[in-house]
Amino acid sequence: MGVSTFSIAPMEKIASTGAGLLAQIYVLRDRAITRDMLARAAGCGIKSIIVTVDTAITPIRERDIRNGFRHLSRPTLSQMLGLAGRPAWLAGLAGGSIPTVGNIDRYTTSRGVMAQARDVAAQIDPTLNRDDLAWLRENWTGQLIVKGIMHPDDAVQAVDAGADGIIVSNHGGRLDSGIRRGGEVVTALALGATAVAIGRPWAWALAAGGAPGVGAALDTLAQEIRDVMALAGLCDIEAIRTAGRDMLWKF
């Protein structure tokens, strides 16, 4: 499970559950913050980090602007009506404190999720290059995975700089569609992937059904993978890799 830099819960709290974790980080202008996050990850037993390299700038997220997500401190009428339909959630919020981005709380003096996220997002270094990956390699002894590779030449450079693996992505959302169905997992494996990451499916499931919803979403993905493999005459994951792209026409 990957823990985002912008996680509401700090990585230490999540790691205390015993779950196997990877820490997602950005290379920030203030390298001391990045170095501290690496030390924190190592300190709570995390063995692998994912460094995101596809966000040189914060993109214009049109849906967020349209639905007012960027200004949660000033809820719109539509948002207030939506909240009114969730009394249990409101009661829980009223009994606690204002949510903060716990994973980066120590690096900003701002309060509130959006203000804290803006502070740290402004620190993301837009000049990130191969030398910075080499710097990360020097400061991290565990696995180093680079997320955001879109060209073979960049993949080679990342590995030459010390990466142990890459994630092909341009950050999801409207920038790329991401993995949504079991058939897409099988396709990725057939094309050479050794693992597949998912983002929005589990987040949607959590919002809709809590922890049981996440379990149901993962079960659905697993069942779809089994169904596609059966339809394509494949007995196990290794068979997908052996068949490669030649099996894609089967489903």
Protein backbone atom coordinates (compact mmCIF):
# COMPACT_ATOMS: atom_id res chain seq x y z
CA MET A 1 0.00 0.00 0.00
CA GLY A 2 1.36 3.42 -0.95
CA VAL A 3 1.16 6.30 1.53
CA SER A 4 0.90 9.71 -0.12
CA THR A 5 2.95 12.72 0.98
CA PHE A 6 -0.45 14.38 1.41
CA SER A 7 -1.92 11.63 3.59
CA ILE A 8 -4.28 12.82 6.33
CA ALA A 9 -2.70 10.28 8.68
CA PRO A 10 1.08 10.47 9.20
CA MET A 11 3.08 7.57 7.83
CA GLU A 12 4.14 6.60 11.36
CA LYS A 13 0.53 6.03 12.43
CA ILE A 14 -0.26 3.95 9.35
CA ALA A 15 2.94 1.91 9.71
CA SER A 16 2.02 1.10 13.32
CA THR A 17 -0.85 -1.06 12.01
CA GLY A 18 1.67 -3.50 10.57
CA ALA A 19 0.53 -2.99 6.99
CA GLY A 20 3.17 -3.31 4.28
CA LEU A 21 3.82 0.24 3.08
CA LEU A 22 5.57 2.22 0.38
CA ALA A 23 6.07 5.95 0.97
CA GLN A 24 5.29 8.30 -1.91
CA ILE A 25 7.39 11.47 -1.83
CA TYR A 26 8.22 14.51 -3.92
CA VAL A 27 11.64 16.11 -4.25
CA LEU A 28 11.10 19.53 -2.68
CA ARG A 29 13.02 22.77 -3.11
CA ASP A 30 13.95 22.50 0.56
CA ARG A 31 15.94 19.28 0.45
CA ALA A 32 15.99 19.18 4.25
CA ILE A 33 12.25 18.39 4.20
CA THR A 34 12.75 15.63 1.64
CA ARG A 35 15.63 14.23 3.68
CA ASP A 36 13.47 14.30 6.82
CA MET A 37 10.68 12.40 5.06
CA LEU A 38 13.20 9.76 3.99
CA ALA A 39 14.42 9.45 7.57
CA ARG A 40 10.85 9.16 8.86
CA ALA A 41 10.07 6.44 6.32
CA ALA A 42 13.15 4.46 7.30
CA GLY A 43 12.40 5.03 10.98
CA CYS A 44 8.98 3.39 10.78
CA GLY A 45 10.18 0.39 8.81
CA ILE A 46 9.24 1.39 5.26
CA LYS A 47 11.54 -0.34 2.76
CA SER A 48 10.47 1.29 -0.51
CA ILE A 49 9.75 4.83 -1.66
CA ILE A 50 7.93 6.05 -4.75
CA VAL A 51 9.24 9.39 -5.98
CA THR A 52 6.74 11.23 -8.18
CA VAL A 53 8.37 13.00 -11.14
CA ASP A 54 5.34 13.91 -13.27
CA THR A 55 4.18 17.00 -11.38
CA ALA A 56 6.55 19.82 -12.26
CA ILE A 57 3.60 22.18 -11.81
CA THR A 58 0.17 21.84 -10.25
CA PRO A 59 -2.22 21.32 -13.19
CA ILE A 60 -5.50 23.15 -13.62
CA ARG A 61 -7.99 20.68 -12.19
CA GLU A 62 -11.18 21.93 -13.78
CA ARG A 63 -13.52 19.64 -11.84
CA ASP A 64 -12.07 20.83 -8.54
CA ILE A 65 -12.61 24.44 -9.56
CA ARG A 66 -16.14 23.75 -10.73
CA ASN A 67 -17.24 21.85 -7.64
CA GLY A 68 -15.51 24.16 -5.17
CA PHE A 69 -13.16 21.49 -3.85
CA ARG A 70 -10.31 23.98 -3.62
CA HIS A 71 -12.25 26.22 -1.26
CA LEU A 72 -13.69 23.87 1.34
CA SER A 73 -13.47 26.58 4.01
CA ARG A 74 -16.27 28.38 2.16
CA PRO A 75 -18.76 25.62 1.30
CA THR A 76 -21.24 26.24 -1.49
CA LEU A 77 -24.98 25.69 -1.12
CA SER A 78 -24.65 22.43 -3.04
CA GLN A 79 -21.93 21.22 -0.68
CA MET A 80 -23.96 22.20 2.38
CA LEU A 81 -26.94 20.26 1.07
CA GLY A 82 -24.69 17.27 0.48
CA LEU A 83 -23.34 17.48 4.03
CA ALA A 84 -26.86 17.70 5.42
CA GLY A 85 -27.54 14.28 3.98
CA ARG A 86 -24.68 12.76 6.01
CA PRO A 87 -25.58 13.48 9.66
CA ALA A 88 -23.41 10.68 11.07
CA TRP A 89 -20.34 12.01 9.28
CA LEU A 90 -21.10 15.55 10.45
CA ALA A 91 -21.50 14.35 14.03
CA GLY A 92 -18.13 12.65 13.88
CA LEU A 93 -16.51 15.77 12.47
CA ALA A 94 -18.10 17.97 15.12
CA GLY A 95 -16.68 15.76 17.84
CA GLY A 96 -13.13 16.09 16.56
CA SER A 97 -10.75 18.77 15.38
CA ILE A 98 -10.31 20.44 12.00
CA PRO A 99 -8.76 17.85 9.64
CA THR A 100 -5.12 18.42 8.81
CA VAL A 101 -2.65 16.78 6.46
CA GLY A 102 -0.96 14.81 9.22
CA ASN A 103 1.91 13.59 7.07
CA ILE A 104 3.15 17.13 6.36
CA ASP A 105 1.81 18.94 9.43
CA ARG A 106 5.32 19.57 10.77
CA TYR A 107 6.43 21.29 7.57
CA THR A 108 3.84 24.08 7.43
CA THR A 109 2.37 26.65 9.80
CA SER A 110 -0.94 26.76 7.91
CA ARG A 111 -4.07 25.10 9.28
CA GLY A 112 -6.61 23.16 7.29
CA VAL A 113 -6.15 20.55 4.61
CA MET A 114 -6.15 22.74 1.51
CA ALA A 115 -3.87 25.47 2.93
CA GLN A 116 -1.34 22.91 4.12
CA ALA A 117 -1.41 21.08 0.79
CA ARG A 118 -0.86 24.35 -1.08
CA ASP A 119 2.13 25.22 1.09
CA VAL A 120 3.91 21.95 0.44
CA ALA A 121 2.83 21.73 -3.23
CA ALA A 122 4.53 25.09 -3.77
CA GLN A 123 7.73 23.44 -2.53
CA ILE A 124 7.77 20.78 -5.28
CA ASP A 125 10.94 21.31 -7.30
CA PRO A 126 10.03 21.86 -10.99
CA THR A 127 13.68 21.44 -12.06
CA LEU A 128 13.84 17.78 -11.00
CA ASN A 129 16.35 15.87 -13.13
CA ARG A 130 18.60 12.82 -13.20
CA ASP A 131 21.04 14.36 -10.72
CA ASP A 132 18.22 14.69 -8.18
CA LEU A 133 17.39 11.01 -8.58
CA ALA A 134 21.05 10.23 -7.95
CA TRP A 135 20.84 12.40 -4.80
CA LEU A 136 17.82 10.40 -3.66
CA ARG A 137 19.71 7.18 -4.31
CA GLU A 138 22.54 8.41 -2.08
CA ASN A 139 20.12 9.29 0.71
CA TRP A 140 17.91 6.20 0.57
CA THR A 141 19.15 2.64 1.04
CA GLY A 142 15.85 0.88 0.32
CA GLN A 143 14.04 0.35 -2.96
CA LEU A 144 13.65 3.48 -5.12
CA ILE A 145 10.71 3.49 -7.53
CA VAL A 146 10.20 6.38 -9.96
CA LYS A 147 6.56 7.18 -10.82
CA GLY A 148 5.72 9.23 -13.89
CA ILE A 149 7.82 7.73 -16.68
CA MET A 150 6.31 8.08 -20.16
CA HIS A 151 9.25 7.52 -22.53
CA PRO A 152 11.78 4.68 -22.90
CA ASP A 153 14.72 7.10 -22.76
CA ASP A 154 13.49 8.46 -19.42
CA ALA A 155 13.14 4.90 -18.13
CA VAL A 156 16.77 4.19 -19.00
CA GLN A 157 17.92 7.42 -17.34
CA ALA A 158 15.96 6.64 -14.19
CA VAL A 159 17.52 3.18 -13.91
CA ASP A 160 20.98 4.59 -14.64
CA ALA A 161 20.45 7.09 -11.80
CA GLY A 162 19.75 4.25 -9.39
CA ALA A 163 16.03 3.47 -9.65
CA ASP A 164 15.02 -0.09 -8.82
CA GLY A 165 11.75 0.22 -10.73
CA ILE A 166 9.48 2.61 -12.61
CA ILE A 167 5.75 3.26 -12.77
CA VAL A 168 4.39 4.25 -16.18
CA SER A 169 1.99 7.11 -15.45
CA ASN A 170 1.30 10.78 -16.03
CA HIS A 171 -0.46 11.23 -12.69
CA GLY A 172 -3.94 9.92 -13.29
CA GLY A 173 -7.19 11.89 -13.23
CA ARG A 174 -7.86 13.63 -16.51
CA LEU A 175 -4.17 13.30 -17.38
CA ASP A 176 -4.41 9.55 -17.81
CA SER A 177 -7.26 7.19 -17.10
CA GLY A 178 -5.44 4.76 -14.84
CA ILE A 179 -6.32 1.13 -14.12
CA ARG A 180 -10.02 0.58 -13.49
CA ARG A 181 -10.91 -3.02 -14.44
CA GLY A 182 -9.42 -6.47 -14.10
CA GLY A 183 -9.00 -6.73 -17.86
CA GLU A 184 -6.75 -3.68 -17.77
CA VAL A 185 -4.60 -5.36 -15.12
CA VAL A 186 -4.17 -8.41 -17.36
CA THR A 187 -3.34 -6.18 -20.33
CA ALA A 188 -0.65 -4.36 -18.34
CA LEU A 189 0.89 -7.65 -17.22
CA ALA A 190 0.86 -8.95 -20.79
CA LEU A 191 2.67 -5.83 -21.98
CA GLY A 192 5.46 -6.32 -19.47
CA ALA A 193 4.37 -4.83 -16.14
CA THR A 194 5.51 -6.66 -13.02
CA ALA A 195 2.90 -4.92 -10.85
CA VAL A 196 -0.12 -2.67 -11.31
CA ALA A 197 -1.03 0.31 -9.12
CA ILE A 198 -4.57 1.53 -8.55
CA GLY A 199 -5.64 4.86 -7.11
CA ARG A 200 -9.17 6.08 -7.65
CA PRO A 201 -11.00 2.72 -7.52
CA TRP A 202 -10.24 2.14 -3.85
CA ALA A 203 -10.82 5.83 -3.00
CA TRP A 204 -14.26 5.73 -4.62
CA ALA A 205 -15.01 2.47 -2.80
CA LEU A 206 -13.94 3.96 0.54
CA ALA A 207 -16.17 6.99 0.02
CA ALA A 208 -19.13 4.84 -0.96
CA GLY A 209 -18.84 1.98 1.51
CA GLY A 210 -16.04 2.54 4.00
CA ALA A 211 -13.57 -0.27 4.70
CA PRO A 212 -16.01 -2.98 3.47
CA GLY A 213 -16.33 -1.01 0.23
CA VAL A 214 -12.57 -1.16 -0.33
CA GLY A 215 -12.62 -4.90 0.27
CA ALA A 216 -15.46 -5.30 -2.22
CA ALA A 217 -13.61 -3.25 -4.85
CA LEU A 218 -10.47 -5.37 -4.50
CA ASP A 219 -12.55 -8.56 -4.63
CA THR A 220 -14.21 -7.30 -7.82
CA LEU A 221 -10.83 -6.59 -9.44
CA ALA A 222 -9.56 -10.04 -8.45
CA GLN A 223 -12.66 -11.76 -9.85
CA GLU A 224 -12.40 -9.82 -13.11
CA ILE A 225 -8.75 -10.85 -13.43
CA ARG A 226 -9.68 -14.51 -12.90
CA ASP A 227 -12.53 -14.27 -15.42
CA VAL A 228 -10.34 -12.69 -18.11
CA MET A 229 -7.61 -15.26 -17.55
CA ALA A 230 -10.13 -18.10 -17.85
CA LEU A 231 -11.58 -16.67 -21.06
CA ALA A 232 -8.06 -16.33 -22.50
CA GLY A 233 -7.04 -19.85 -21.43
CA LEU A 234 -4.41 -18.68 -18.95
CA CYS A 235 -3.84 -20.63 -15.73
CA ASP A 236 -1.64 -18.23 -13.75
CA ILE A 237 0.08 -14.83 -13.82
CA GLU A 238 3.27 -16.29 -15.27
CA ALA A 239 1.23 -17.58 -18.22
CA ILE A 240 0.13 -14.00 -18.94
CA ARG A 241 3.73 -12.83 -19.04
CA THR A 242 4.83 -15.77 -21.18
CA ALA A 243 2.05 -15.17 -23.73
CA GLY A 244 2.74 -11.45 -23.82
CA ARG A 245 0.97 -9.18 -26.24
CA ASP A 246 0.09 -12.14 -28.47
CA MET A 247 -2.72 -13.07 -26.07
CA LEU A 248 -4.44 -9.69 -26.07
CA TRP A 249 -6.72 -10.58 -28.98
CA LYS A 250 -8.32 -13.33 -26.86
CA PHE A 251 -10.34 -11.01 -24.63
